[in-house]
Amino acid sequence: MIVFENCRIFDADTTELLEHQHVTVEDKQIVEVSDVSPKLLDAQRFDLNGRIMIPGLIDAHAHVCLPDYNLTALRAMQPSRMFAEAVVSLEKMLLRGFTTIRDAAGADRGLAQAVENGVIVGPRIYPSGHALSPTGGHGDHRFQVEESPLCGCGSALEFAFRTFDGVPEVLQGVRDEIRRGSSQIKVMASGGVTSINDPIDSVQFSPEELSAITSEAARWGKYVMAHVYSPEAIKHAVDCGVRSLEHCNLLDDQTADLVAAKGCFIVPTLITYDTMKLHSQRFGLTRDQVEKLMHVAEAGSAAVELCVEKGIPMGLGTDLLGAEAQQRQSEELRLRADIQSNHEVLKSATLTNAQLLEADGDVGKIAVGKRADILVLEANPLTDITVLTRPDKYLSAIMKDGIFYKNRLA
């Protein structure tokens, strides 16, 4: 049993820190939060002397199995190399304070179980498995001269995407991803920056196909997250029952009203565009890809502002590919804080993301009955959110499921 004494706790439901708190952890859970120190003779105690305690961070749009922005390089990368890269990325994410991630294409149940069972170190994973794409869509990465579909098993890229056309095929795709252990279903419902063939404003999957995907997922107790950019693609996804809308950089006022009315979540990923702009040449982006990148990057902040205005719940995601880019994972908090309050940003990265993942019974708050995912900070992120971008300096302790992965408290 572990007792953290004399801490100040971030609670997403209030803008003020909870002062003079004592938190007791037993096994994997938080079993007591009180303003009175528990009288436990056999507990290991840490006096935090007013340090800040926050829940573990959650990245709702991560990619640990896509270790490069260059799709040609990913097509040539063997799965063994991909998984080796993922092991390194996962541990680094945990040491930045991310104790939970939702992988948005690539990671499967096997990788999630490897973390869960302690085979490798990292945040717990909510895997999407393969993202579903129509032929020619954002998940179809064949060159124009290729005819045969990719097999879904031969390279790092093929582990992340599969193509399906027509209602019977998409139903089979949903069922197969659920059989494989996906926590949610990821679909490509619009064009994307890094794909070869599809324009950014394309609307992908027919209404019949996308409605079949969301209905079938719901029958299995799952929800659908959709890659979307344009107002037309966002509206298409919402009308067809998608719950989690990824990116949404080109969101407009009328579509935002629809999203708000339907109670959908939006997950902006500003840091990936910022990173691609900085390193487009190094990442091997083509001229067409750079043009698409600049189109969506310039609109991203305005879309976040519109979500704030409309009261749309926003998760926090990063969409960074590869270890070099993922070093900037925490910078998403800083970019969002240019638009929102620090409290709102931290809430997005904890409680809102937990609600989005349908995991708020387990994570997202420092509260009795939650998993013991705990970060201890030397400075107040409500005053300066950038303390979370410097974990080596300001992050004194990282606990996940009651186990310390970093502890400078002693």
Foldseek 3Di string as FASTA:
>chain_A
DEKEFFEWEQDLVDLGTRGGWMWDDDQFFTADIDNDHDDDPPYHYFYQNHFYKYFFFEAAEDALQFAALQVVVQLVAFSVVSVVSSLVLFQVQLLLRHQEYEYQFQDFVVVLVCCVVVVGPGHRYQYQWAAEFAVQAQLQQDDPVDDDGDPLHGGSSSRGHDYADDQVGLLVVLVVRVVRPHQAHEYEQAHDLSGDGGARGGGGDDLNNLLSNQVSQVVVVHAYEYEHAALVNLQSNVVSRHAEYEANLHDDQVSLLSLLVSQHEYEHALLQLVVCVVCVVVSPGDPSSVVRSVVRNVRRLVVLLSCVVSVRHYAYHHNDHRDVSCLCGLVSLVVVCVRDQLSSSLQNRAVSSCVVSVNNQATRGSDRNHTPFMWTFPDDCNVPVCSSSVSVPTTAWTDGSRDTPHHNSD
